[in-house]
């Protein structure tokens, strides 16, 4: 699961820093949904990729920071700009995904407890 989470974070990073002309779906009317979805997926995967709950809280906060940093870095990518609304979409994606991921992990743990050998 850690590999899948890492891949998602890499996709977010590359997608955020590509020049505007290199993005095949830049003309979509709801680009905020792309921001929300990318960070949502990363945040849902975090509780499964990282065992300790406290660590996953820091990972979620780190994803919010990553979203802000990448948004700021877009000022230096041709045809891109920093957008506060994108940062909000990123943050909402993290919050929603993280809460869902924690809930799913708890539900799975309740349904299939680990056996100790």
PDB file of N, CA and C in Angstrom:
ATOM      1  N   UNK A   1       0.825  -1.194   0.000  1.00  0.00           N
ATOM      2  CA  UNK A   1       0.000   0.000   0.000  1.00  0.00           C
ATOM      3  C   UNK A   1       0.868   1.256   0.000  1.00  0.00           C
ATOM      4  N   UNK A   2       2.035   1.145   0.630  1.00  0.00           N
ATOM      5  CA  UNK A   2       2.951   2.292   0.657  1.00  0.00           C
ATOM      6  C   UNK A   2       3.384   2.669  -0.753  1.00  0.00           C
ATOM      7  N   UNK A   3       3.615   1.678  -1.604  1.00  0.00           N
ATOM      8  CA  UNK A   3       4.023   1.956  -2.984  1.00  0.00           C
ATOM      9  C   UNK A   3       2.917   2.684  -3.740  1.00  0.00           C
ATOM     10  N   UNK A   4       1.675   2.288  -3.527  1.00  0.00           N
ATOM     11  CA  UNK A   4       0.546   2.943  -4.187  1.00  0.00           C
ATOM     12  C   UNK A   4       0.404   4.386  -3.711  1.00  0.00           C
ATOM     13  N   UNK A   5       0.560   4.600  -2.396  1.00  0.00           N
ATOM     14  CA  UNK A   5       0.488   5.956  -1.845  1.00  0.00           C
ATOM     15  C   UNK A   5       1.616   6.820  -2.432  1.00  0.00           C
ATOM     16  N   UNK A   6       2.825   6.252  -2.506  1.00  0.00           N
ATOM     17  CA  UNK A   6       3.969   6.991  -3.047  1.00  0.00           C
ATOM     18  C   UNK A   6       3.732   7.352  -4.513  1.00  0.00           C
ATOM     19  N   UNK A   7       3.193   6.422  -5.271  1.00  0.00           N
ATOM     20  CA  UNK A   7       2.874   6.683  -6.674  1.00  0.00           C
ATOM     21  C   UNK A   7       1.871   7.832  -6.785  1.00  0.00           C
ATOM     22  N   UNK A   8       0.849   7.831  -5.955  1.00  0.00           N
ATOM     23  CA  UNK A   8      -0.161   8.890  -6.000  1.00  0.00           C
ATOM     24  C   UNK A   8       0.461  10.249  -5.686  1.00  0.00           C
ATOM     25  N   UNK A   9       1.323  10.308  -4.685  1.00  0.00           N
ATOM     26  CA  UNK A   9       1.975  11.572  -4.339  1.00  0.00           C
ATOM     27  C   UNK A   9       2.885  12.031  -5.488  1.00  0.00           C
ATOM     28  N   UNK A  10       3.559  11.093  -6.131  1.00  0.00           N
ATOM     29  CA  UNK A  10       4.393  11.442  -7.293  1.00  0.00           C
ATOM     30  C   UNK A  10       3.535  11.974  -8.442  1.00  0.00           C
ATOM     31  N   UNK A  11       2.396  11.346  -8.695  1.00  0.00           N
ATOM     32  CA  UNK A  11       1.491  11.819  -9.750  1.00  0.00           C
ATOM     33  C   UNK A  11       0.982  13.227  -9.448  1.00  0.00           C
ATOM     34  N   UNK A  12       0.633  13.482  -8.200  1.00  0.00           N
ATOM     35  CA  UNK A  12       0.193  14.818  -7.798  1.00  0.00           C
ATOM     36  C   UNK A  12       1.303  15.833  -8.054  1.00  0.00           C
ATOM     37  N   UNK A  13       2.509  15.481  -7.644  1.00  0.00           N
ATOM     38  CA  UNK A  13       3.639  16.406  -7.771  1.00  0.00           C
ATOM     39  C   UNK A  13       3.942  16.709  -9.237  1.00  0.00           C
ATOM     40  N   UNK A  14       4.063  15.682 -10.045  1.00  0.00           N
ATOM     41  CA  UNK A  14       4.359  15.883 -11.469  1.00  0.00           C
ATOM     42  C   UNK A  14       3.226  16.644 -12.146  1.00  0.00           C
ATOM     43  N   UNK A  15       1.996  16.235 -11.883  1.00  0.00           N
ATOM     44  CA  UNK A  15       0.847  16.910 -12.487  1.00  0.00           C
ATOM     45  C   UNK A  15       0.746  18.374 -12.097  1.00  0.00           C
ATOM     46  N   UNK A  16       1.156  18.683 -10.894  1.00  0.00           N
ATOM     47  CA  UNK A  16       1.086  20.069 -10.422  1.00  0.00           C
ATOM     48  C   UNK A  16       2.160  20.948 -11.046  1.00  0.00           C
ATOM     49  N   UNK A  17       3.279  20.364 -11.424  1.00  0.00           N
ATOM     50  CA  UNK A  17       4.397  21.167 -11.901  1.00  0.00           C
ATOM     51  C   UNK A  17       4.595  21.136 -13.419  1.00  0.00           C
ATOM     52  N   UNK A  18       3.803  20.341 -14.120  1.00  0.00           N
ATOM     53  CA  UNK A  18       3.898  20.327 -15.578  1.00  0.00           C
ATOM     54  C   UNK A  18       3.529  21.695 -16.140  1.00  0.00           C
ATOM     55  N   UNK A  19       4.182  22.101 -17.227  1.00  0.00           N
ATOM     56  CA  UNK A  19       3.748  23.339 -17.892  1.00  0.00           C
ATOM     57  C   UNK A  19       2.314  23.194 -18.392  1.00  0.00           C
ATOM     58  N   UNK A  20       1.623  24.300 -18.505  1.00  0.00           N
ATOM     59  CA  UNK A  20       0.200  24.272 -18.872  1.00  0.00           C
ATOM     60  C   UNK A  20      -0.042  23.536 -20.193  1.00  0.00           C
ATOM     61  N   UNK A  21       0.814  23.696 -21.170  1.00  0.00           N
ATOM     62  CA  UNK A  21       0.626  23.048 -22.469  1.00  0.00           C
ATOM     63  C   UNK A  21       0.783  21.545 -22.434  1.00  0.00           C
ATOM     64  N   UNK A  22       1.408  21.017 -21.403  1.00  0.00           N
ATOM     65  CA  UNK A  22       1.658  19.575 -21.317  1.00  0.00           C
ATOM     66  C   UNK A  22       0.543  18.827 -20.605  1.00  0.00           C
ATOM     67  N   UNK A  23      -0.451  19.539 -20.123  1.00  0.00           N
ATOM     68  CA  UNK A  23      -1.543  18.909 -19.376  1.00  0.00           C
ATOM     69  C   UNK A  23      -2.683  18.623 -20.348  1.00  0.00           C
ATOM     70  N   UNK A  24      -2.989  17.351 -20.604  1.00  0.00           N
ATOM     71  CA  UNK A  24      -3.982  17.018 -21.621  1.00  0.00           C
ATOM     72  C   UNK A  24      -5.414  17.399 -21.243  1.00  0.00           C
ATOM     73  N   UNK A  25      -5.702  17.523 -19.963  1.00  0.00           N
ATOM     74  CA  UNK A  25      -7.084  17.798 -19.550  1.00  0.00           C
ATOM     75  C   UNK A  25      -7.206  19.161 -18.886  1.00  0.00           C
ATOM     76  N   UNK A  26      -6.367  20.122 -19.283  1.00  0.00           N
ATOM     77  CA  UNK A  26      -6.385  21.437 -18.646  1.00  0.00           C
ATOM     78  C   UNK A  26      -7.652  22.219 -18.962  1.00  0.00           C
ATOM     79  N   UNK A  27      -8.354  21.858 -20.014  1.00  0.00           N
ATOM     80  CA  UNK A  27      -9.545  22.605 -20.407  1.00  0.00           C
ATOM     81  C   UNK A  27     -10.823  22.122 -19.719  1.00  0.00           C
ATOM     82  N   UNK A  28     -10.700  21.155 -18.818  1.00  0.00           N
ATOM     83  CA  UNK A  28     -11.886  20.678 -18.103  1.00  0.00           C
ATOM     84  C   UNK A  28     -12.484  21.813 -17.285  1.00  0.00           C
ATOM     85  N   UNK A  29     -13.804  21.914 -17.257  1.00  0.00           N
ATOM     86  CA  UNK A  29     -14.428  23.018 -16.533  1.00  0.00           C
ATOM     87  C   UNK A  29     -14.267  22.904 -15.015  1.00  0.00           C
ATOM     88  N   UNK A  30     -14.087  21.712 -14.487  1.00  0.00           N
ATOM     89  CA  UNK A  30     -14.010  21.545 -13.042  1.00  0.00           C
ATOM     90  C   UNK A  30     -12.635  21.129 -12.587  1.00  0.00           C
ATOM     91  N   UNK A  31     -11.625  21.939 -12.851  1.00  0.00           N
ATOM     92  CA  UNK A  31     -10.267  21.540 -12.469  1.00  0.00           C
ATOM     93  C   UNK A  31     -10.125  21.437 -10.957  1.00  0.00           C
ATOM     94  N   UNK A  32     -11.014  22.054 -10.209  1.00  0.00           N
ATOM     95  CA  UNK A  32     -10.972  21.938  -8.738  1.00  0.00           C
ATOM     96  C   UNK A  32     -11.262  20.491  -8.323  1.00  0.00           C
ATOM     97  N   UNK A  33     -12.069  19.782  -9.125  1.00  0.00           N
ATOM     98  CA  UNK A  33     -12.343  18.369  -8.835  1.00  0.00           C
ATOM     99  C   UNK A  33     -11.091  17.527  -9.016  1.00  0.00           C
ATOM    100  N   UNK A  34     -10.239  17.903  -9.957  1.00  0.00           N
ATOM    101  CA  UNK A  34      -8.970  17.189 -10.127  1.00  0.00           C
ATOM    102  C   UNK A  34      -8.090  17.378  -8.896  1.00  0.00           C
ATOM    103  N   UNK A  35      -8.038  18.598  -8.408  1.00  0.00           N
ATOM    104  CA  UNK A  35      -7.262  18.877  -7.198  1.00  0.00           C
ATOM    105  C   UNK A  35      -7.830  18.088  -6.022  1.00  0.00           C
ATOM    106  N   UNK A  36      -9.135  18.186  -5.834  1.00  0.00           N
ATOM    107  CA  UNK A  36      -9.796  17.487  -4.731  1.00  0.00           C
ATOM    108  C   UNK A  36      -9.532  15.992  -4.809  1.00  0.00           C
ATOM    109  N   UNK A  37      -9.729  15.410  -5.985  1.00  0.00           N
ATOM    110  CA  UNK A  37      -9.613  13.962  -6.157  1.00  0.00           C
ATOM    111  C   UNK A  37      -8.194  13.454  -5.937  1.00  0.00           C
ATOM    112  N   UNK A  38      -7.205  14.164  -6.457  1.00  0.00           N
ATOM    113  CA  UNK A  38      -5.822  13.734  -6.275  1.00  0.00           C
ATOM    114  C   UNK A  38      -5.438  13.661  -4.806  1.00  0.00           C
ATOM    115  N   UNK A  39      -5.765  14.695  -4.071  1.00  0.00           N
ATOM    116  CA  UNK A  39      -5.421  14.725  -2.648  1.00  0.00           C
ATOM    117  C   UNK A  39      -6.329  13.806  -1.834  1.00  0.00           C
ATOM    118  N   UNK A  40      -7.570  13.636  -2.264  1.00  0.00           N
ATOM    119  CA  UNK A  40      -8.491  12.707  -1.614  1.00  0.00           C
ATOM    120  C   UNK A  40      -7.930  11.288  -1.673  1.00  0.00           C
ATOM    121  N   UNK A  41      -7.493  10.866  -2.853  1.00  0.00           N
ATOM    122  CA  UNK A  41      -6.960   9.509  -3.015  1.00  0.00           C
ATOM    123  C   UNK A  41      -5.720   9.317  -2.143  1.00  0.00           C
ATOM    124  N   UNK A  42      -4.815  10.290  -2.161  1.00  0.00           N
ATOM    125  CA  UNK A  42      -3.597  10.179  -1.334  1.00  0.00           C
ATOM    126  C   UNK A  42      -3.955  10.088   0.147  1.00  0.00           C
ATOM    127  N   UNK A  43      -4.944  10.854   0.572  1.00  0.00           N
ATOM    128  CA  UNK A  43      -5.326  10.854   1.989  1.00  0.00           C
ATOM    129  C   UNK A  43      -6.075   9.589   2.386  1.00  0.00           C
ATOM    130  N   UNK A  44      -6.871   9.031   1.497  1.00  0.00           N
ATOM    131  CA  UNK A  44      -7.559   7.760   1.787  1.00  0.00           C
ATOM    132  C   UNK A  44      -6.540   6.636   1.940  1.00  0.00           C
ATOM    133  N   UNK A  45      -5.515   6.654   1.111  1.00  0.00           N
ATOM    134  CA  UNK A  45      -4.496   5.604   1.151  1.00  0.00           C
ATOM    135  C   UNK A  45      -3.577   5.720   2.368  1.00  0.00           C
ATOM    136  N   UNK A  46      -3.401   6.917   2.898  1.00  0.00           N
ATOM    137  CA  UNK A  46      -2.434   7.139   3.984  1.00  0.00           C
ATOM    138  C   UNK A  46      -2.654   6.229   5.201  1.00  0.00           C
ATOM    139  N   UNK A  47      -3.884   6.089   5.732  1.00  0.00           N
ATOM    140  CA  UNK A  47      -4.049   5.211   6.896  1.00  0.00           C
ATOM    141  C   UNK A  47      -3.713   3.746   6.618  1.00  0.00           C
ATOM    142  N   UNK A  48      -3.764   3.341   5.363  1.00  0.00           N
ATOM    143  CA  UNK A  48      -3.422   1.966   5.011  1.00  0.00           C
ATOM    144  C   UNK A  48      -1.923   1.824   4.728  1.00  0.00           C
ATOM    145  N   UNK A  49      -1.308   2.907   4.271  1.00  0.00           N
ATOM    146  CA  UNK A  49       0.115   2.867   3.940  1.00  0.00           C
ATOM    147  C   UNK A  49       0.999   3.009   5.175  1.00  0.00           C
ATOM    148  N   UNK A  50       0.465   3.692   6.186  1.00  0.00           N
ATOM    149  CA  UNK A  50       1.239   3.943   7.402  1.00  0.00           C
ATOM    150  C   UNK A  50       0.479   3.357   8.583  1.00  0.00           C
ATOM    151  N   UNK A  51       1.138   2.545   9.351  1.00  0.00           N
ATOM    152  CA  UNK A  51       0.499   1.758  10.402  1.00  0.00           C
ATOM    153  C   UNK A  51       0.002   2.612  11.573  1.00  0.00           C
ATOM    154  N   UNK A  52       0.828   3.504  12.053  1.00  0.00           N
ATOM    155  CA  UNK A  52       0.483   4.254  13.270  1.00  0.00           C
ATOM    156  C   UNK A  52      -0.455   5.414  12.968  1.00  0.00           C
ATOM    157  N   UNK A  53      -1.514   5.523  13.757  1.00  0.00           N
ATOM    158  CA  UNK A  53      -2.522   6.555  13.541  1.00  0.00           C
ATOM    159  C   UNK A  53      -1.928   7.958  13.694  1.00  0.00           C
ATOM    160  N   UNK A  54      -1.057   8.127  14.669  1.00  0.00           N
ATOM    161  CA  UNK A  54      -0.468   9.447  14.890  1.00  0.00           C
ATOM    162  C   UNK A  54       0.370   9.875  13.682  1.00  0.00           C
ATOM    163  N   UNK A  55       1.079   8.931  13.108  1.00  0.00           N
ATOM    164  CA  UNK A  55       1.876   9.232  11.924  1.00  0.00           C
ATOM    165  C   UNK A  55       0.976   9.654  10.766  1.00  0.00           C
ATOM    166  N   UNK A  56      -0.173   9.005  10.620  1.00  0.00           N
ATOM    167  CA  UNK A  56      -1.071   9.347   9.519  1.00  0.00           C
ATOM    168  C   UNK A  56      -1.607  10.765   9.660  1.00  0.00           C
ATOM    169  N   UNK A  57      -1.751  11.249  10.894  1.00  0.00           N
ATOM    170  CA  UNK A  57      -2.169  12.642  11.107  1.00  0.00           C
ATOM    171  C   UNK A  57      -1.090  13.570  10.547  1.00  0.00           C
ATOM    172  N   UNK A  58       0.166  13.281  10.835  1.00  0.00           N
ATOM    173  CA  UNK A  58       1.260  14.100  10.307  1.00  0.00           C
ATOM    174  C   UNK A  58       1.358  13.989   8.785  1.00  0.00           C
ATOM    175  N   UNK A  59       1.081  12.819   8.266  1.00  0.00           N
ATOM    176  CA  UNK A  59       1.085  12.637   6.810  1.00  0.00           C
ATOM    177  C   UNK A  59      -0.005  13.506   6.187  1.00  0.00           C
ATOM    178  N   UNK A  60      -1.196  13.515   6.785  1.00  0.00           N
ATOM    179  CA  UNK A  60      -2.292  14.339   6.267  1.00  0.00           C
ATOM    180  C   UNK A  60      -1.914  15.819   6.305  1.00  0.00           C
ATOM    181  N   UNK A  61      -1.334  16.258   7.401  1.00  0.00           N
ATOM    182  CA  UNK A  61      -0.888  17.650   7.486  1.00  0.00           C
ATOM    183  C   UNK A  61       0.194  17.932   6.443  1.00  0.00           C
ATOM    184  N   UNK A  62       1.062  16.953   6.225  1.00  0.00           N
ATOM    185  CA  UNK A  62       2.092  17.084   5.203  1.00  0.00           C
ATOM    186  C   UNK A  62       1.505  17.204   3.802  1.00  0.00           C
ATOM    187  N   UNK A  63       0.417  16.478   3.543  1.00  0.00           N
ATOM    188  CA  UNK A  63      -0.242  16.582   2.243  1.00  0.00           C
ATOM    189  C   UNK A  63      -0.827  17.977   2.034  1.00  0.00           C
ATOM    190  N   UNK A  64      -1.372  18.564   3.101  1.00  0.00           N
ATOM    191  CA  UNK A  64      -1.879  19.938   3.004  1.00  0.00           C
ATOM    192  C   UNK A  64      -0.720  20.888   2.688  1.00  0.00           C
ATOM    193  N   UNK A  65       0.400  20.698   3.385  1.00  0.00           N
ATOM    194  CA  UNK A  65       1.579  21.512   3.118  1.00  0.00           C
ATOM    195  C   UNK A  65       2.115  21.312   1.711  1.00  0.00           C
ATOM    196  N   UNK A  66       2.117  20.060   1.244  1.00  0.00           N
ATOM    197  CA  UNK A  66       2.553  19.768  -0.116  1.00  0.00           C
ATOM    198  C   UNK A  66       1.671  20.494  -1.128  1.00  0.00           C
ATOM    199  N   UNK A  67       0.373  20.462  -0.889  1.00  0.00           N
ATOM    200  CA  UNK A  67      -0.555  21.146  -1.799  1.00  0.00           C
ATOM    201  C   UNK A  67      -0.276  22.636  -1.883  1.00  0.00           C
ATOM    202  N   UNK A  68      -0.020  23.250  -0.735  1.00  0.00           N
ATOM    203  CA  UNK A  68       0.281  24.684  -0.718  1.00  0.00           C
ATOM    204  C   UNK A  68       1.614  24.964  -1.402  1.00  0.00           C
ATOM    205  N   UNK A  69       2.622  24.144  -1.125  1.00  0.00           N
ATOM    206  CA  UNK A  69       3.944  24.355  -1.714  1.00  0.00           C
ATOM    207  C   UNK A  69       3.918  24.169  -3.237  1.00  0.00           C
ATOM    208  N   UNK A  70       3.224  23.136  -3.691  1.00  0.00           N
ATOM    209  CA  UNK A  70       3.147  22.900  -5.137  1.00  0.00           C
ATOM    210  C   UNK A  70       2.359  23.999  -5.830  1.00  0.00           C
ATOM    211  N   UNK A  71       1.337  24.478  -5.174  1.00  0.00           N
ATOM    212  CA  UNK A  71       0.546  25.574  -5.745  1.00  0.00           C
ATOM    213  C   UNK A  71       1.411  26.826  -5.888  1.00  0.00           C
ATOM    214  N   UNK A  72       2.206  27.107  -4.870  1.00  0.00           N
ATOM    215  CA  UNK A  72       3.117  28.250  -4.923  1.00  0.00           C
ATOM    216  C   UNK A  72       4.169  28.038  -6.016  1.00  0.00           C
ATOM    217  N   UNK A  73       4.681  26.816  -6.148  1.00  0.00           N
ATOM    218  CA  UNK A  73       5.712  26.511  -7.140  1.00  0.00           C
ATOM    219  C   UNK A  73       5.195  26.633  -8.570  1.00  0.00           C
ATOM    220  N   UNK A  74       3.890  26.561  -8.742  1.00  0.00           N
ATOM    221  CA  UNK A  74       3.325  26.686 -10.093  1.00  0.00           C
ATOM    222  C   UNK A  74       3.593  28.058 -10.700  1.00  0.00           C
ATOM    223  N   UNK A  75       3.902  29.037  -9.888  1.00  0.00           N
ATOM    224  CA  UNK A  75       4.247  30.362 -10.412  1.00  0.00           C
ATOM    225  C   UNK A  75       5.458  30.278 -11.342  1.00  0.00           C
ATOM    226  N   UNK A  76       6.285  29.259 -11.150  1.00  0.00           N
ATOM    227  CA  UNK A  76       7.515  29.107 -11.917  1.00  0.00           C
ATOM    228  C   UNK A  76       7.386  28.085 -13.042  1.00  0.00           C
ATOM    229  N   UNK A  77       6.202  27.564 -13.253  1.00  0.00           N
ATOM    230  CA  UNK A  77       5.951  26.614 -14.329  1.00  0.00           C
ATOM    231  C   UNK A  77       5.234  27.361 -15.460  1.00  0.00           C
ATOM    232  N   UNK A  78       5.733  27.256 -16.688  1.00  0.00           N
ATOM    233  CA  UNK A  78       5.155  28.026 -17.804  1.00  0.00           C
ATOM    234  C   UNK A  78       3.647  27.827 -17.960  1.00  0.00           C
ATOM    235  N   UNK A  79       2.942  28.937 -18.000  1.00  0.00           N
ATOM    236  CA  UNK A  79       1.495  28.915 -18.199  1.00  0.00           C
ATOM    237  C   UNK A  79       0.682  28.576 -16.973  1.00  0.00           C
ATOM    238  N   UNK A  80       1.321  28.373 -15.839  1.00  0.00           N
ATOM    239  CA  UNK A  80       0.616  28.013 -14.603  1.00  0.00           C
ATOM    240  C   UNK A  80       0.636  29.202 -13.652  1.00  0.00           C
ATOM    241  N   UNK A  81      -0.244  29.174 -12.667  1.00  0.00           N
ATOM    242  CA  UNK A  81      -0.278  30.242 -11.669  1.00  0.00           C
ATOM    243  C   UNK A  81      -0.717  29.672 -10.334  1.00  0.00           C
ATOM    244  N   UNK A  82      -0.438  30.410  -9.294  1.00  0.00           N
ATOM    245  CA  UNK A  82      -0.829  30.028  -7.942  1.00  0.00           C
ATOM    246  C   UNK A  82      -2.291  30.431  -7.733  1.00  0.00           C
ATOM    247  N   UNK A  83      -3.106  29.502  -7.263  1.00  0.00           N
ATOM    248  CA  UNK A  83      -4.534  29.762  -7.095  1.00  0.00           C
ATOM    249  C   UNK A  83      -4.966  29.311  -5.697  1.00  0.00           C
ATOM    250  N   UNK A  84      -5.451  30.238  -4.909  1.00  0.00           N
ATOM    251  CA  UNK A  84      -5.905  29.936  -3.557  1.00  0.00           C
ATOM    252  C   UNK A  84      -7.057  28.929  -3.566  1.00  0.00           C
ATOM    253  N   UNK A  85      -7.918  28.994  -4.576  1.00  0.00           N
ATOM    254  CA  UNK A  85      -9.040  28.043  -4.658  1.00  0.00           C
ATOM    255  C   UNK A  85      -8.551  26.619  -4.873  1.00  0.00           C
ATOM    256  N   UNK A  86      -7.434  26.458  -5.591  1.00  0.00           N
ATOM    257  CA  UNK A  86      -6.843  25.126  -5.744  1.00  0.00           C
ATOM    258  C   UNK A  86      -6.334  24.613  -4.406  1.00  0.00           C
ATOM    259  N   UNK A  87      -5.740  25.496  -3.612  1.00  0.00           N
ATOM    260  CA  UNK A  87      -5.267  25.102  -2.279  1.00  0.00           C
ATOM    261  C   UNK A  87      -6.430  24.656  -1.402  1.00  0.00           C
ATOM    262  N   UNK A  88      -7.547  25.350  -1.511  1.00  0.00           N
ATOM    263  CA  UNK A  88      -8.738  24.972  -0.734  1.00  0.00           C
ATOM    264  C   UNK A  88      -9.238  23.603  -1.194  1.00  0.00           C
ATOM    265  N   UNK A  89      -9.282  23.386  -2.495  1.00  0.00           N
ATOM    266  CA  UNK A  89      -9.727  22.079  -3.021  1.00  0.00           C
ATOM    267  C   UNK A  89      -8.792  20.969  -2.560  1.00  0.00           C
ATOM    268  N   UNK A  90      -7.474  21.235  -2.576  1.00  0.00           N
ATOM    269  CA  UNK A  90      -6.504  20.252  -2.098  1.00  0.00           C
ATOM    270  C   UNK A  90      -6.767  19.901  -0.636  1.00  0.00           C
ATOM    271  N   UNK A  91      -6.943  20.932   0.177  1.00  0.00           N
ATOM    272  CA  UNK A  91      -7.145  20.747   1.616  1.00  0.00           C
ATOM    273  C   UNK A  91      -8.447  20.009   1.905  1.00  0.00           C
ATOM    274  N   UNK A  92      -9.509  20.354   1.193  1.00  0.00           N
ATOM    275  CA  UNK A  92     -10.779  19.637   1.381  1.00  0.00           C
ATOM    276  C   UNK A  92     -10.647  18.172   0.959  1.00  0.00           C
ATOM    277  N   UNK A  93      -9.887  17.918  -0.090  1.00  0.00           N
ATOM    278  CA  UNK A  93      -9.641  16.538  -0.512  1.00  0.00           C
ATOM    279  C   UNK A  93      -8.894  15.752   0.551  1.00  0.00           C
ATOM    280  N   UNK A  94      -7.884  16.387   1.161  1.00  0.00           N
ATOM    281  CA  UNK A  94      -7.129  15.722   2.231  1.00  0.00           C
ATOM    282  C   UNK A  94      -8.038  15.441   3.418  1.00  0.00           C
ATOM    283  N   UNK A  95      -8.787  16.433   3.853  1.00  0.00           N
ATOM    284  CA  UNK A  95      -9.638  16.261   5.041  1.00  0.00           C
ATOM    285  C   UNK A  95     -10.678  15.164   4.818  1.00  0.00           C
ATOM    286  N   UNK A  96     -11.344  15.214   3.699  1.00  0.00           N
ATOM    287  CA  UNK A  96     -12.387  14.225   3.407  1.00  0.00           C
ATOM    288  C   UNK A  96     -11.785  12.825   3.249  1.00  0.00           C
ATOM    289  N   UNK A  97     -10.712  12.730   2.492  1.00  0.00           N
ATOM    290  CA  UNK A  97     -10.074  11.435   2.260  1.00  0.00           C
ATOM    291  C   UNK A  97      -9.490  10.845   3.527  1.00  0.00           C
ATOM    292  N   UNK A  98      -8.881  11.694   4.346  1.00  0.00           N
ATOM    293  CA  UNK A  98      -8.276  11.208   5.581  1.00  0.00           C
ATOM    294  C   UNK A  98      -9.336  10.655   6.528  1.00  0.00           C
ATOM    295  N   UNK A  99     -10.442  11.372   6.693  1.00  0.00           N
ATOM    296  CA  UNK A  99     -11.508  10.886   7.571  1.00  0.00           C
ATOM    297  C   UNK A  99     -12.115   9.583   7.040  1.00  0.00           C
ATOM    298  N   UNK A 100     -12.314   9.513   5.730  1.00  0.00           N
ATOM    299  CA  UNK A 100     -12.838   8.282   5.147  1.00  0.00           C
ATOM    300  C   UNK A 100     -11.842   7.144   5.303  1.00  0.00           C
ATOM    301  N   UNK A 101     -10.571   7.411   5.064  1.00  0.00           N
ATOM    302  CA  UNK A 101      -9.540   6.383   5.201  1.00  0.00           C
ATOM    303  C   UNK A 101      -9.455   5.840   6.615  1.00  0.00           C
ATOM    304  N   UNK A 102      -9.512   6.735   7.605  1.00  0.00           N
ATOM    305  CA  UNK A 102      -9.496   6.273   9.001  1.00  0.00           C
ATOM    306  C   UNK A 102     -10.720   5.417   9.312  1.00  0.00           C
ATOM    307  N   UNK A 103     -11.876   5.855   8.816  1.00  0.00           N
ATOM    308  CA  UNK A 103     -13.100   5.086   9.043  1.00  0.00           C
ATOM    309  C   UNK A 103     -13.046   3.723   8.385  1.00  0.00           C
ATOM    310  N   UNK A 104     -12.550   3.681   7.160  1.00  0.00           N
ATOM    311  CA  UNK A 104     -12.429   2.397   6.458  1.00  0.00           C
ATOM    312  C   UNK A 104     -11.445   1.470   7.161  1.00  0.00           C
ATOM    313  N   UNK A 105     -10.329   2.027   7.601  1.00  0.00           N
ATOM    314  CA  UNK A 105      -9.347   1.191   8.296  1.00  0.00           C
ATOM    315  C   UNK A 105      -9.919   0.632   9.598  1.00  0.00           C
ATOM    316  N   UNK A 106     -10.668   1.447  10.325  1.00  0.00           N
ATOM    317  CA  UNK A 106     -11.287   0.981  11.569  1.00  0.00           C
ATOM    318  C   UNK A 106     -12.339  -0.091  11.283  1.00  0.00           C
ATOM    319  N   UNK A 107     -13.128   0.115  10.235  1.00  0.00           N
ATOM    320  CA  UNK A 107     -14.162  -0.865   9.889  1.00  0.00           C
ATOM    321  C   UNK A 107     -13.535  -2.192   9.471  1.00  0.00           C
ATOM    322  N   UNK A 108     -12.487  -2.127   8.687  1.00  0.00           N
ATOM    323  CA  UNK A 108     -11.807  -3.351   8.253  1.00  0.00           C
ATOM    324  C   UNK A 108     -11.183  -4.065   9.447  1.00  0.00           C
ATOM    325  N   UNK A 109     -10.578  -3.303  10.348  1.00  0.00           N
ATOM    326  CA  UNK A 109      -9.970  -3.906  11.542  1.00  0.00           C
ATOM    327  C   UNK A 109     -11.027  -4.566  12.423  1.00  0.00           C
ATOM    328  N   UNK A 110     -12.217  -3.978  12.481  1.00  0.00           N
ATOM    329  CA  UNK A 110     -13.289  -4.558  13.291  1.00  0.00           C
ATOM    330  C   UNK A 110     -13.841  -5.834  12.648  1.00  0.00           C
ATOM    331  N   UNK A 111     -13.920  -5.829  11.332  1.00  0.00           N
ATOM    332  CA  UNK A 111     -14.463  -6.996  10.628  1.00  0.00           C
ATOM    333  C   UNK A 111     -13.459  -8.145  10.542  1.00  0.00           C
ATOM    334  N   UNK A 112     -12.192  -7.804  10.362  1.00  0.00           N
ATOM    335  CA  UNK A 112     -11.153  -8.819  10.203  1.00  0.00           C
ATOM    336  C   UNK A 112      -9.997  -8.506  11.160  1.00  0.00           C
ATOM    337  N   UNK A 113     -10.166  -8.842  12.443  1.00  0.00           N
ATOM    338  CA  UNK A 113      -9.083  -8.573  13.375  1.00  0.00           C
ATOM    339  C   UNK A 113      -7.856  -9.409  13.038  1.00  0.00           C
ATOM    340  N   UNK A 114      -6.705  -8.862  13.352  1.00  0.00           N
ATOM    341  CA  UNK A 114      -5.444  -9.582  13.094  1.00  0.00           C
ATOM    342  C   UNK A 114      -5.292 -10.713  14.097  1.00  0.00           C
ATOM    343  N   UNK A 115      -4.840 -11.834  13.581  1.00  0.00           N
ATOM    344  CA  UNK A 115      -4.587 -12.970  14.459  1.00  0.00           C
ATOM    345  C   UNK A 115      -3.141 -12.939  14.899  1.00  0.00           C
ATOM    346  N   UNK A 116      -2.940 -13.198  16.141  1.00  0.00           N
ATOM    347  CA  UNK A 116      -1.575 -13.252  16.690  1.00  0.00           C
ATOM    348  C   UNK A 116      -1.132 -14.720  16.743  1.00  0.00           C
ATOM    349  N   UNK A 117       0.012 -15.008  16.212  1.00  0.00           N
ATOM    350  CA  UNK A 117       0.531 -16.387  16.211  1.00  0.00           C
ATOM    351  C   UNK A 117       1.502 -16.577  17.348  1.00  0.00           C
TER     352      UNK A 117
END
